Amino acid sequence: MDRQFPHTGYEADLSGLVDSVPGLTCFPPVIQKASRLAKEPQTSASDLAAVIRDDPLLAAGILRLANSPPSGRARRVSSLREGVLALGFSAIRSLGIVIAAVNMLRGADSHLFRYGDFWMHSLCTALLAQRLSRSIGISASDDAFAAGFLHDTGKAILHQFARDPFTHVLSVQHERGVLDPEIERRFLNTTHVQIGCRLAEKWHLPACLCDAIDHHHGTSDAGPEPAITAICSISDYLCSIRGVGSLPSVGCPPRPELRFPNLPYDSKAVLAVEEKFADIRNEAQAFLTAIQGAVPPAVQVEGSRVHTHSPLSWHRCT
C-alpha cells in the first residue's frame, strides 16, 4: 500500500496524535468532579447540583433530558436539583461523559464519516452495554456505558485532526468492505483503538475503560477486565448489524464470540436485550436531542472554509 498522503500538517506516523493536540487531553474539571461525587454514597442531589451549576453545558443537558418526551413526566422539571433527582446519579455520570466527548470531538462531515451516525452508534452501544451488564449481573454498569460510548473515540479524533490520511484509510476499508484496524496501522502507524486508549489514559479514566477500548477488537487477549471488554464488543457488533454502525457505509466488525472464544457468551441475555433495541435507539436519540439543544450551533474554521455544524456542535474545551 502507498503510505504517501496529501499534506495535512501531520506526519503519516500518527502514533503521537493525542499528545500533540492542545486541549484534547483536558477533561472538563467540573464533569470530573461531578462524576466523582455521583459515586459517593453520602452525596445529596443538592451537593451534585451545586457542582454542576458551574458547567452550563452539563446543566442544560440535564434539564433538557429530564424534560424530554421519553421521560414521561407530567410536570416540567425547572430546577437543576429536580433534574438530578429525576435522572438519577448514574445517568448524570453518563451524560457528563457524553458531553465531555462531544464537546471536544466535533467537525464537518465527510462522505465516509458522519458525526450524527458516529454519536448515535456510540450512544446505542453504551446503552446496550449498560443494559446487558445489568441483565447478566455485572455491577459495573456505569463502566459498561462509558466503555461502550468511548470505544471508537479514536475514529473521531483521526477524522477531526488527521482527516486526509484517515479518509484515505476509510476509502481502503470501504473498497474491501471490512473495518480492520490493521489497515489503519499499515497507513498511520497506529489505530483508532490505540488513540482512543491513549485519550482515556490522559483523561485519567478507570483502567477497566482503557482495557475495554484497547481490546474490543482483540483476538485472544481480552485484557484484565474481560467482562466489560466482551460486553463492549458484543454491543458494538449488535448495533452495527442493526444498522447503527459508526461507519455504516464502510462495514461491520466481526462477530464478538469469535474474538473472545474463552469468555462465556450468554446468548439468552443478549437476545433479551437485543429485543429492546428500538427502546435503546429512542433513548439514545433523547440523549442526542438533549445535547443538541444545550448550546447554539458553533462555527468552526477549517483552512479557508467556514462550517456551521449542526446538530452536534460545541464550544471547544479550554
C-alpha atoms as a PDB file:
ATOM      1  CA  MET A   1       0.000   0.000   0.000  1.00  0.00           C
ATOM      2  CA  ASP A   2       1.118   3.548  -0.680  1.00  0.00           C
ATOM      3  CA  ARG A   3       1.844   5.465   2.513  1.00  0.00           C
ATOM      4  CA  GLN A   4       2.037   8.860   0.782  1.00  0.00           C
ATOM      5  CA  PHE A   5      -0.823  11.239   1.661  1.00  0.00           C
ATOM      6  CA  PRO A   6      -1.716  14.827   0.793  1.00  0.00           C
ATOM      7  CA  HIS A   7      -0.119  17.320   3.203  1.00  0.00           C
ATOM      8  CA  THR A   8      -2.275  17.728   6.332  1.00  0.00           C
ATOM      9  CA  GLY A   9       0.116  19.228   8.879  1.00  0.00           C
ATOM     10  CA  TYR A  10       0.644  15.757  10.357  1.00  0.00           C
ATOM     11  CA  GLU A  11       3.177  13.095   9.519  1.00  0.00           C
ATOM     12  CA  ALA A  12       1.846   9.758   8.287  1.00  0.00           C
ATOM     13  CA  ASP A  13       3.042   8.381  11.637  1.00  0.00           C
ATOM     14  CA  LEU A  14       0.137   9.464  13.880  1.00  0.00           C
ATOM     15  CA  SER A  15       1.043   7.409  16.934  1.00  0.00           C
ATOM     16  CA  GLY A  16       1.554  10.597  18.992  1.00  0.00           C
ATOM     17  CA  LEU A  17      -1.554  12.391  17.754  1.00  0.00           C
ATOM     18  CA  VAL A  18      -3.405  12.655  21.078  1.00  0.00           C
ATOM     19  CA  ASP A  19      -0.443  14.222  22.870  1.00  0.00           C
ATOM     20  CA  SER A  20       0.138  16.693  20.030  1.00  0.00           C
ATOM     21  CA  VAL A  21      -3.327  18.324  20.044  1.00  0.00           C
ATOM     22  CA  PRO A  22      -3.609  21.195  22.595  1.00  0.00           C
ATOM     23  CA  GLY A  23      -6.661  20.930  24.837  1.00  0.00           C
ATOM     24  CA  LEU A  24      -7.654  17.439  23.733  1.00  0.00           C
ATOM     25  CA  THR A  25      -6.404  15.853  26.936  1.00  0.00           C
ATOM     26  CA  CYS A  26      -8.192  18.396  29.162  1.00  0.00           C
ATOM     27  CA  PHE A  27     -11.119  16.521  30.690  1.00  0.00           C
ATOM     28  CA  PRO A  28     -13.589  19.171  31.967  1.00  0.00           C
ATOM     29  CA  PRO A  29     -12.868  19.546  35.708  1.00  0.00           C
ATOM     30  CA  VAL A  30     -16.486  20.182  36.685  1.00  0.00           C
ATOM     31  CA  ILE A  31     -17.653  16.999  34.944  1.00  0.00           C
ATOM     32  CA  GLN A  32     -14.784  15.102  36.537  1.00  0.00           C
ATOM     33  CA  LYS A  33     -15.750  16.351  39.988  1.00  0.00           C
ATOM     34  CA  ALA A  34     -19.448  15.675  39.414  1.00  0.00           C
ATOM     35  CA  SER A  35     -18.702  12.115  38.261  1.00  0.00           C
ATOM     36  CA  ARG A  36     -16.638  11.504  41.381  1.00  0.00           C
ATOM     37  CA  LEU A  37     -19.320  12.913  43.684  1.00  0.00           C
ATOM     38  CA  ALA A  38     -22.021  10.855  41.972  1.00  0.00           C
ATOM     39  CA  LYS A  39     -20.212   7.686  43.053  1.00  0.00           C
ATOM     40  CA  GLU A  40     -20.018   8.677  46.725  1.00  0.00           C
ATOM     41  CA  PRO A  41     -22.944   7.369  48.822  1.00  0.00           C
ATOM     42  CA  GLN A  42     -23.115  10.460  51.072  1.00  0.00           C
ATOM     43  CA  THR A  43     -23.619  12.860  48.152  1.00  0.00           C
ATOM     44  CA  SER A  44     -27.048  14.509  48.002  1.00  0.00           C
ATOM     45  CA  ALA A  45     -28.848  15.858  44.940  1.00  0.00           C
ATOM     46  CA  SER A  46     -28.229  19.390  46.236  1.00  0.00           C
ATOM     47  CA  ASP A  47     -24.494  18.670  46.550  1.00  0.00           C
ATOM     48  CA  LEU A  48     -24.322  17.411  42.984  1.00  0.00           C
ATOM     49  CA  ALA A  49     -26.433  20.243  41.581  1.00  0.00           C
ATOM     50  CA  ALA A  50     -24.190  22.822  43.276  1.00  0.00           C
ATOM     51  CA  VAL A  51     -21.176  21.445  41.385  1.00  0.00           C
ATOM     52  CA  ILE A  52     -22.970  21.006  38.055  1.00  0.00           C
ATOM     53  CA  ARG A  53     -24.093  24.662  38.035  1.00  0.00           C
ATOM     54  CA  ASP A  54     -20.523  25.603  37.124  1.00  0.00           C
ATOM     55  CA  ASP A  55     -20.784  23.735  33.799  1.00  0.00           C
ATOM     56  CA  PRO A  56     -23.525  25.327  31.662  1.00  0.00           C
ATOM     57  CA  LEU A  57     -23.427  22.565  29.027  1.00  0.00           C
ATOM     58  CA  LEU A  58     -23.957  19.786  31.544  1.00  0.00           C
ATOM     59  CA  ALA A  59     -26.620  21.759  33.428  1.00  0.00           C
ATOM     60  CA  ALA A  60     -28.537  22.488  30.225  1.00  0.00           C
ATOM     61  CA  GLY A  61     -28.230  18.873  29.091  1.00  0.00           C
ATOM     62  CA  ILE A  62     -29.639  17.591  32.388  1.00  0.00           C
ATOM     63  CA  LEU A  63     -32.691  19.846  32.213  1.00  0.00           C
ATOM     64  CA  ARG A  64     -33.369  19.016  28.573  1.00  0.00           C
ATOM     65  CA  LEU A  65     -33.013  15.272  29.165  1.00  0.00           C
ATOM     66  CA  ALA A  66     -35.197  15.409  32.298  1.00  0.00           C
ATOM     67  CA  ASN A  67     -37.918  17.137  30.266  1.00  0.00           C
ATOM     68  CA  SER A  68     -37.591  15.010  27.134  1.00  0.00           C
ATOM     69  CA  PRO A  69     -40.647  13.044  25.922  1.00  0.00           C
ATOM     70  CA  PRO A  70     -39.196   9.594  26.814  1.00  0.00           C
ATOM     71  CA  SER A  71     -39.061  10.655  30.473  1.00  0.00           C
ATOM     72  CA  GLY A  72     -42.865  10.683  30.533  1.00  0.00           C
ATOM     73  CA  ARG A  73     -43.061  13.327  33.273  1.00  0.00           C
ATOM     74  CA  ALA A  74     -46.318  15.228  33.533  1.00  0.00           C
ATOM     75  CA  ARG A  75     -44.755  18.173  35.412  1.00  0.00           C
ATOM     76  CA  ARG A  76     -41.911  20.188  33.931  1.00  0.00           C
ATOM     77  CA  VAL A  77     -38.575  19.943  35.746  1.00  0.00           C
ATOM     78  CA  SER A  78     -37.382  23.511  36.276  1.00  0.00           C
ATOM     79  CA  SER A  79     -34.515  23.314  38.781  1.00  0.00           C
ATOM     80  CA  LEU A  80     -31.179  21.570  38.469  1.00  0.00           C
ATOM     81  CA  ARG A  81     -31.712  19.716  41.753  1.00  0.00           C
ATOM     82  CA  GLU A  82     -35.035  18.355  40.426  1.00  0.00           C
ATOM     83  CA  GLY A  83     -33.260  17.319  37.234  1.00  0.00           C
ATOM     84  CA  VAL A  84     -30.612  15.432  39.205  1.00  0.00           C
ATOM     85  CA  LEU A  85     -33.300  13.635  41.202  1.00  0.00           C
ATOM     86  CA  ALA A  86     -35.367  12.875  38.106  1.00  0.00           C
ATOM     87  CA  LEU A  87     -32.496  11.338  36.135  1.00  0.00           C
ATOM     88  CA  GLY A  88     -30.539   9.710  38.946  1.00  0.00           C
ATOM     89  CA  PHE A  89     -26.832   9.832  39.688  1.00  0.00           C
ATOM     90  CA  SER A  90     -25.950   7.085  37.219  1.00  0.00           C
ATOM     91  CA  ALA A  91     -27.500   8.989  34.309  1.00  0.00           C
ATOM     92  CA  ILE A  92     -25.698  12.163  35.397  1.00  0.00           C
ATOM     93  CA  ARG A  93     -22.341  10.389  35.196  1.00  0.00           C
ATOM     94  CA  SER A  94     -23.219   9.003  31.771  1.00  0.00           C
ATOM     95  CA  LEU A  95     -24.390  12.361  30.462  1.00  0.00           C
ATOM     96  CA  GLY A  96     -21.193  14.009  31.720  1.00  0.00           C
ATOM     97  CA  ILE A  97     -19.005  11.624  29.734  1.00  0.00           C
ATOM     98  CA  VAL A  98     -21.133  12.121  26.619  1.00  0.00           C
ATOM     99  CA  ILE A  99     -20.969  15.910  26.847  1.00  0.00           C
ATOM    100  CA  ALA A 100     -17.224  15.943  27.529  1.00  0.00           C
ATOM    101  CA  ALA A 101     -16.506  13.799  24.458  1.00  0.00           C
ATOM    102  CA  VAL A 102     -18.909  15.538  22.085  1.00  0.00           C
ATOM    103  CA  ASN A 103     -17.692  18.959  23.222  1.00  0.00           C
ATOM    104  CA  MET A 104     -14.116  18.112  22.228  1.00  0.00           C
ATOM    105  CA  LEU A 105     -14.708  15.997  19.140  1.00  0.00           C
ATOM    106  CA  ARG A 106     -16.724  17.897  16.572  1.00  0.00           C
ATOM    107  CA  GLY A 107     -16.213  18.808  12.968  1.00  0.00           C
ATOM    108  CA  ALA A 108     -17.630  18.785   9.486  1.00  0.00           C
ATOM    109  CA  ASP A 109     -18.953  15.559   7.978  1.00  0.00           C
ATOM    110  CA  SER A 110     -17.156  13.866   5.109  1.00  0.00           C
ATOM    111  CA  HIS A 111     -18.517  11.428   2.566  1.00  0.00           C
ATOM    112  CA  LEU A 112     -17.444   8.405   4.638  1.00  0.00           C
ATOM    113  CA  PHE A 113     -17.763   9.818   8.156  1.00  0.00           C
ATOM    114  CA  ARG A 114     -20.871  11.481   9.545  1.00  0.00           C
ATOM    115  CA  TYR A 115     -20.859  12.703  13.129  1.00  0.00           C
ATOM    116  CA  GLY A 116     -24.574  12.045  13.573  1.00  0.00           C
ATOM    117  CA  ASP A 117     -24.085   8.367  12.671  1.00  0.00           C
ATOM    118  CA  PHE A 118     -20.970   8.148  14.819  1.00  0.00           C
ATOM    119  CA  TRP A 119     -22.532   9.558  18.001  1.00  0.00           C
ATOM    120  CA  MET A 120     -25.727   7.554  17.533  1.00  0.00           C
ATOM    121  CA  HIS A 121     -23.645   4.376  17.299  1.00  0.00           C
ATOM    122  CA  SER A 122     -21.611   5.374  20.350  1.00  0.00           C
ATOM    123  CA  LEU A 123     -24.714   6.045  22.446  1.00  0.00           C
ATOM    124  CA  CYS A 124     -26.595   2.934  21.319  1.00  0.00           C
ATOM    125  CA  THR A 125     -23.528   0.823  22.080  1.00  0.00           C
ATOM    126  CA  ALA A 126     -23.239   2.460  25.506  1.00  0.00           C
ATOM    127  CA  LEU A 127     -26.893   1.984  26.436  1.00  0.00           C
ATOM    128  CA  LEU A 128     -26.944  -1.582  25.138  1.00  0.00           C
ATOM    129  CA  ALA A 129     -23.755  -2.388  27.084  1.00  0.00           C
ATOM    130  CA  GLN A 130     -25.274  -0.892  30.230  1.00  0.00           C
ATOM    131  CA  ARG A 131     -28.450  -2.988  29.898  1.00  0.00           C
ATOM    132  CA  LEU A 132     -26.534  -6.133  29.056  1.00  0.00           C
ATOM    133  CA  SER A 133     -24.232  -5.748  32.061  1.00  0.00           C
ATOM    134  CA  ARG A 134     -27.259  -5.411  34.342  1.00  0.00           C
ATOM    135  CA  SER A 135     -29.012  -8.398  32.793  1.00  0.00           C
ATOM    136  CA  ILE A 136     -26.079 -10.735  33.446  1.00  0.00           C
ATOM    137  CA  GLY A 137     -25.450  -9.408  36.952  1.00  0.00           C
ATOM    138  CA  ILE A 138     -22.379  -7.214  36.475  1.00  0.00           C
ATOM    139  CA  SER A 139     -22.475  -4.361  38.970  1.00  0.00           C
ATOM    140  CA  ALA A 140     -20.236  -2.009  36.972  1.00  0.00           C
ATOM    141  CA  SER A 141     -22.990  -0.970  34.552  1.00  0.00           C
ATOM    142  CA  ASP A 142     -21.778   2.652  34.536  1.00  0.00           C
ATOM    143  CA  ASP A 143     -18.353   1.454  33.418  1.00  0.00           C
ATOM    144  CA  ALA A 144     -20.021  -0.618  30.708  1.00  0.00           C
ATOM    145  CA  PHE A 145     -21.832   2.513  29.487  1.00  0.00           C
ATOM    146  CA  ALA A 146     -18.630   4.560  29.424  1.00  0.00           C
ATOM    147  CA  ALA A 147     -16.688   1.812  27.650  1.00  0.00           C
ATOM    148  CA  GLY A 148     -19.424   1.447  25.049  1.00  0.00           C
ATOM    149  CA  PHE A 149     -19.596   5.163  24.421  1.00  0.00           C
ATOM    150  CA  LEU A 150     -15.842   5.727  24.179  1.00  0.00           C
ATOM    151  CA  HIS A 151     -14.754   2.540  22.376  1.00  0.00           C
ATOM    152  CA  ASP A 152     -14.490   4.192  18.935  1.00  0.00           C
ATOM    153  CA  THR A 153     -13.417   7.674  20.064  1.00  0.00           C
ATOM    154  CA  GLY A 154     -10.132   7.251  18.189  1.00  0.00           C
ATOM    155  CA  LYS A 155     -12.037   7.381  14.895  1.00  0.00           C
ATOM    156  CA  ALA A 156     -13.459  10.813  15.690  1.00  0.00           C
ATOM    157  CA  ILE A 157     -10.008  12.056  16.741  1.00  0.00           C
ATOM    158  CA  LEU A 158      -8.452  10.822  13.498  1.00  0.00           C
ATOM    159  CA  HIS A 159     -11.246  12.317  11.407  1.00  0.00           C
ATOM    160  CA  GLN A 160     -11.042  15.691  13.137  1.00  0.00           C
ATOM    161  CA  PHE A 161      -7.288  16.149  13.435  1.00  0.00           C
ATOM    162  CA  ALA A 162      -5.877  13.996  10.613  1.00  0.00           C
ATOM    163  CA  ARG A 163      -8.692  13.989   8.105  1.00  0.00           C
ATOM    164  CA  ASP A 164      -6.827  13.443   4.825  1.00  0.00           C
ATOM    165  CA  PRO A 165      -4.841  10.343   5.826  1.00  0.00           C
ATOM    166  CA  PHE A 166      -7.783   8.909   7.770  1.00  0.00           C
ATOM    167  CA  THR A 167     -10.143   9.469   4.837  1.00  0.00           C
ATOM    168  CA  HIS A 168      -7.692   7.525   2.685  1.00  0.00           C
ATOM    169  CA  VAL A 169      -7.827   4.677   5.213  1.00  0.00           C
ATOM    170  CA  LEU A 170     -11.642   4.775   5.208  1.00  0.00           C
ATOM    171  CA  SER A 171     -11.612   4.574   1.420  1.00  0.00           C
ATOM    172  CA  VAL A 172      -9.431   1.459   1.537  1.00  0.00           C
ATOM    173  CA  GLN A 173     -11.721  -0.113   4.149  1.00  0.00           C
ATOM    174  CA  HIS A 174     -14.763   0.842   2.072  1.00  0.00           C
ATOM    175  CA  GLU A 175     -13.283  -0.823  -1.013  1.00  0.00           C
ATOM    176  CA  ARG A 176     -12.595  -4.002   0.961  1.00  0.00           C
ATOM    177  CA  GLY A 177     -15.899  -3.871   2.857  1.00  0.00           C
ATOM    178  CA  VAL A 178     -14.269  -4.513   6.224  1.00  0.00           C
ATOM    179  CA  LEU A 179     -13.464  -2.495   9.349  1.00  0.00           C
ATOM    180  CA  ASP A 180      -9.919  -3.674  10.021  1.00  0.00           C
ATOM    181  CA  PRO A 181      -7.653  -1.773  12.452  1.00  0.00           C
ATOM    182  CA  GLU A 182      -4.651  -3.348  10.741  1.00  0.00           C
ATOM    183  CA  ILE A 183      -5.389  -1.235   7.665  1.00  0.00           C
ATOM    184  CA  GLU A 184      -5.128   1.831   9.906  1.00  0.00           C
ATOM    185  CA  ARG A 185      -1.832   0.566  11.309  1.00  0.00           C
ATOM    186  CA  ARG A 186      -0.423  -0.026   7.834  1.00  0.00           C
ATOM    187  CA  PHE A 187      -1.091   3.558   6.757  1.00  0.00           C
ATOM    188  CA  LEU A 188      -0.913   5.544  10.008  1.00  0.00           C
ATOM    189  CA  ASN A 189       1.408   3.518  12.265  1.00  0.00           C
ATOM    190  CA  THR A 190      -1.413   3.490  14.816  1.00  0.00           C
ATOM    191  CA  THR A 191      -5.072   2.504  15.122  1.00  0.00           C
ATOM    192  CA  HIS A 192      -8.240   4.163  16.368  1.00  0.00           C
ATOM    193  CA  VAL A 193      -8.064   1.676  19.257  1.00  0.00           C
ATOM    194  CA  GLN A 194      -4.640   2.883  20.386  1.00  0.00           C
ATOM    195  CA  ILE A 195      -5.606   6.528  20.009  1.00  0.00           C
ATOM    196  CA  GLY A 196      -8.838   6.064  21.975  1.00  0.00           C
ATOM    197  CA  CYS A 197      -6.976   4.212  24.703  1.00  0.00           C
ATOM    198  CA  ARG A 198      -4.397   6.998  24.932  1.00  0.00           C
ATOM    199  CA  LEU A 199      -7.169   9.588  25.322  1.00  0.00           C
ATOM    200  CA  ALA A 200      -8.736   7.534  28.134  1.00  0.00           C
ATOM    201  CA  GLU A 201      -5.365   7.394  29.874  1.00  0.00           C
ATOM    202  CA  LYS A 202      -4.859  11.160  29.540  1.00  0.00           C
ATOM    203  CA  TRP A 203      -8.355  11.716  30.916  1.00  0.00           C
ATOM    204  CA  HIS A 204      -7.406   9.505  33.905  1.00  0.00           C
ATOM    205  CA  LEU A 205     -10.375   7.213  33.339  1.00  0.00           C
ATOM    206  CA  PRO A 206     -10.538   3.885  35.213  1.00  0.00           C
ATOM    207  CA  ALA A 207      -8.227   1.129  33.999  1.00  0.00           C
ATOM    208  CA  CYS A 208     -11.185  -1.069  33.012  1.00  0.00           C
ATOM    209  CA  LEU A 209     -12.284   1.536  30.442  1.00  0.00           C
ATOM    210  CA  CYS A 210      -8.812   1.749  28.935  1.00  0.00           C
ATOM    211  CA  ASP A 211      -8.751  -2.059  28.763  1.00  0.00           C
ATOM    212  CA  ALA A 212     -12.146  -2.235  27.051  1.00  0.00           C
ATOM    213  CA  ILE A 213     -11.164   0.367  24.453  1.00  0.00           C
ATOM    214  CA  ASP A 214      -7.778  -1.266  23.930  1.00  0.00           C
ATOM    215  CA  HIS A 215      -9.082  -4.810  23.494  1.00  0.00           C
ATOM    216  CA  HIS A 216     -12.550  -4.509  21.977  1.00  0.00           C
ATOM    217  CA  HIS A 217     -11.071  -5.620  18.629  1.00  0.00           C
ATOM    218  CA  GLY A 218      -8.815  -8.207  20.297  1.00  0.00           C
ATOM    219  CA  THR A 219      -8.462 -11.755  19.013  1.00  0.00           C
ATOM    220  CA  SER A 220      -7.182 -13.597  22.078  1.00  0.00           C
ATOM    221  CA  ASP A 221      -6.359 -11.140  24.879  1.00  0.00           C
ATOM    222  CA  ALA A 222      -9.447  -9.555  26.422  1.00  0.00           C
ATOM    223  CA  GLY A 223      -7.386  -7.565  28.914  1.00  0.00           C
ATOM    224  CA  PRO A 224      -7.529  -7.566  32.713  1.00  0.00           C
ATOM    225  CA  GLU A 225     -11.279  -6.737  32.697  1.00  0.00           C
ATOM    226  CA  PRO A 226     -12.656  -9.330  30.256  1.00  0.00           C
ATOM    227  CA  ALA A 227     -16.344  -8.955  31.155  1.00  0.00           C
ATOM    228  CA  ILE A 228     -16.551  -5.218  30.421  1.00  0.00           C
ATOM    229  CA  THR A 229     -14.444  -5.693  27.283  1.00  0.00           C
ATOM    230  CA  ALA A 230     -16.642  -8.510  25.983  1.00  0.00           C
ATOM    231  CA  ILE A 231     -19.867  -6.603  26.725  1.00  0.00           C
ATOM    232  CA  CYS A 232     -18.492  -3.577  24.869  1.00  0.00           C
ATOM    233  CA  SER A 233     -17.531  -5.742  21.901  1.00  0.00           C
ATOM    234  CA  ILE A 234     -20.868  -7.574  21.764  1.00  0.00           C
ATOM    235  CA  SER A 235     -22.795  -4.295  21.979  1.00  0.00           C
ATOM    236  CA  ASP A 236     -20.672  -2.751  19.239  1.00  0.00           C
ATOM    237  CA  TYR A 237     -21.433  -5.701  16.982  1.00  0.00           C
ATOM    238  CA  LEU A 238     -25.171  -5.777  17.717  1.00  0.00           C
ATOM    239  CA  CYS A 239     -25.556  -2.084  16.974  1.00  0.00           C
ATOM    240  CA  SER A 240     -23.663  -2.459  13.709  1.00  0.00           C
ATOM    241  CA  ILE A 241     -25.735  -5.372  12.405  1.00  0.00           C
ATOM    242  CA  ARG A 242     -28.875  -3.454  13.407  1.00  0.00           C
ATOM    243  CA  GLY A 243     -27.813  -0.698  11.024  1.00  0.00           C
ATOM    244  CA  VAL A 244     -26.430   1.681  13.641  1.00  0.00           C
ATOM    245  CA  GLY A 245     -22.716   1.449  12.912  1.00  0.00           C
ATOM    246  CA  SER A 246     -20.101   4.119  13.497  1.00  0.00           C
ATOM    247  CA  LEU A 247     -19.184   3.915   9.799  1.00  0.00           C
ATOM    248  CA  PRO A 248     -22.273   2.365   8.184  1.00  0.00           C
ATOM    249  CA  SER A 249     -21.010   2.928   4.647  1.00  0.00           C
ATOM    250  CA  VAL A 250     -17.784   1.020   5.359  1.00  0.00           C
ATOM    251  CA  GLY A 251     -18.752  -2.226   7.075  1.00  0.00           C
ATOM    252  CA  CYS A 252     -19.332  -4.153  10.325  1.00  0.00           C
ATOM    253  CA  PRO A 253     -16.949  -5.624  12.903  1.00  0.00           C
ATOM    254  CA  PRO A 254     -16.667  -9.432  13.092  1.00  0.00           C
ATOM    255  CA  ARG A 255     -18.813 -11.466  15.458  1.00  0.00           C
ATOM    256  CA  PRO A 256     -17.584 -10.936  19.036  1.00  0.00           C
ATOM    257  CA  GLU A 257     -17.781 -14.541  20.230  1.00  0.00           C
ATOM    258  CA  LEU A 258     -15.177 -15.343  17.583  1.00  0.00           C
ATOM    259  CA  ARG A 259     -12.875 -12.699  19.030  1.00  0.00           C
ATOM    260  CA  PHE A 260     -13.328 -13.788  22.663  1.00  0.00           C
ATOM    261  CA  PRO A 261     -13.501 -17.599  22.451  1.00  0.00           C
ATOM    262  CA  ASN A 262     -12.594 -18.133  26.120  1.00  0.00           C
ATOM    263  CA  LEU A 263     -15.332 -15.933  27.551  1.00  0.00           C
ATOM    264  CA  PRO A 264     -18.896 -17.053  28.331  1.00  0.00           C
ATOM    265  CA  TYR A 265     -21.376 -15.858  25.733  1.00  0.00           C
ATOM    266  CA  ASP A 266     -24.828 -15.614  27.311  1.00  0.00           C
ATOM    267  CA  SER A 267     -26.946 -15.775  24.175  1.00  0.00           C
ATOM    268  CA  LYS A 268     -30.257 -15.593  26.088  1.00  0.00           C
ATOM    269  CA  ALA A 269     -29.242 -12.379  27.866  1.00  0.00           C
ATOM    270  CA  VAL A 270     -28.001 -10.880  24.621  1.00  0.00           C
ATOM    271  CA  LEU A 271     -31.220 -11.811  22.810  1.00  0.00           C
ATOM    272  CA  ALA A 272     -33.383 -10.363  25.590  1.00  0.00           C
ATOM    273  CA  VAL A 273     -31.547  -7.047  25.453  1.00  0.00           C
ATOM    274  CA  GLU A 274     -31.446  -7.016  21.652  1.00  0.00           C
ATOM    275  CA  GLU A 275     -35.238  -7.338  21.547  1.00  0.00           C
ATOM    276  CA  LYS A 276     -35.394  -3.945  23.289  1.00  0.00           C
ATOM    277  CA  PHE A 277     -33.191  -2.306  20.656  1.00  0.00           C
ATOM    278  CA  ALA A 278     -35.943   0.036  19.474  1.00  0.00           C
ATOM    279  CA  ASP A 279     -36.247   1.397  23.031  1.00  0.00           C
ATOM    280  CA  ILE A 280     -32.472   1.769  23.234  1.00  0.00           C
ATOM    281  CA  ARG A 281     -32.405   3.702  19.989  1.00  0.00           C
ATOM    282  CA  ASN A 282     -35.151   6.036  21.211  1.00  0.00           C
ATOM    283  CA  GLU A 283     -33.266   6.611  24.460  1.00  0.00           C
ATOM    284  CA  ALA A 284     -30.092   7.379  22.504  1.00  0.00           C
ATOM    285  CA  GLN A 285     -31.985   9.883  20.380  1.00  0.00           C
ATOM    286  CA  ALA A 286     -33.263  11.578  23.546  1.00  0.00           C
ATOM    287  CA  PHE A 287     -29.657  11.884  24.762  1.00  0.00           C
ATOM    288  CA  LEU A 288     -28.584  13.423  21.461  1.00  0.00           C
ATOM    289  CA  THR A 289     -31.513  15.832  21.428  1.00  0.00           C
ATOM    290  CA  ALA A 290     -30.659  16.977  24.959  1.00  0.00           C
ATOM    291  CA  ILE A 291     -27.073  17.643  23.939  1.00  0.00           C
ATOM    292  CA  GLN A 292     -28.003  19.200  20.609  1.00  0.00           C
ATOM    293  CA  GLY A 293     -30.134  21.903  22.195  1.00  0.00           C
ATOM    294  CA  ALA A 294     -27.927  22.720  25.180  1.00  0.00           C
ATOM    295  CA  VAL A 295     -25.954  25.358  23.251  1.00  0.00           C
ATOM    296  CA  PRO A 296     -26.342  27.031  19.832  1.00  0.00           C
ATOM    297  CA  PRO A 297     -24.552  25.505  16.836  1.00  0.00           C
ATOM    298  CA  ALA A 298     -20.892  26.504  16.696  1.00  0.00           C
ATOM    299  CA  VAL A 299     -18.933  27.825  13.746  1.00  0.00           C
ATOM    300  CA  GLN A 300     -15.558  26.236  13.054  1.00  0.00           C
ATOM    301  CA  VAL A 301     -12.909  27.373  10.596  1.00  0.00           C
ATOM    302  CA  GLU A 302     -11.073  24.656   8.672  1.00  0.00           C
ATOM    303  CA  GLY A 303      -8.443  26.057   6.360  1.00  0.00           C
ATOM    304  CA  SER A 304     -10.171  28.644   4.202  1.00  0.00           C
ATOM    305  CA  ARG A 305     -13.638  27.179   4.729  1.00  0.00           C
ATOM    306  CA  VAL A 306     -16.147  28.005   7.445  1.00  0.00           C
ATOM    307  CA  HIS A 307     -18.544  25.274   8.552  1.00  0.00           C
ATOM    308  CA  THR A 308     -21.620  25.637  10.729  1.00  0.00           C
ATOM    309  CA  HIS A 309     -22.070  22.310  12.485  1.00  0.00           C
ATOM    310  CA  SER A 310     -25.495  21.024  13.385  1.00  0.00           C
ATOM    311  CA  PRO A 311     -26.902  19.237  15.260  1.00  0.00           C
ATOM    312  CA  LEU A 312     -23.853  18.331  17.394  1.00  0.00           C
ATOM    313  CA  SER A 313     -21.784  21.494  17.748  1.00  0.00           C
ATOM    314  CA  TRP A 314     -19.912  22.858  20.743  1.00  0.00           C
ATOM    315  CA  HIS A 315     -17.545  25.493  22.031  1.00  0.00           C
ATOM    316  CA  ARG A 316     -14.130  23.905  22.478  1.00  0.00           C
ATOM    317  CA  CYS A 317     -12.916  22.928  25.955  1.00  0.00           C
ATOM    318  CA  THR A 318     -10.262  25.294  27.286  1.00  0.00           C
END
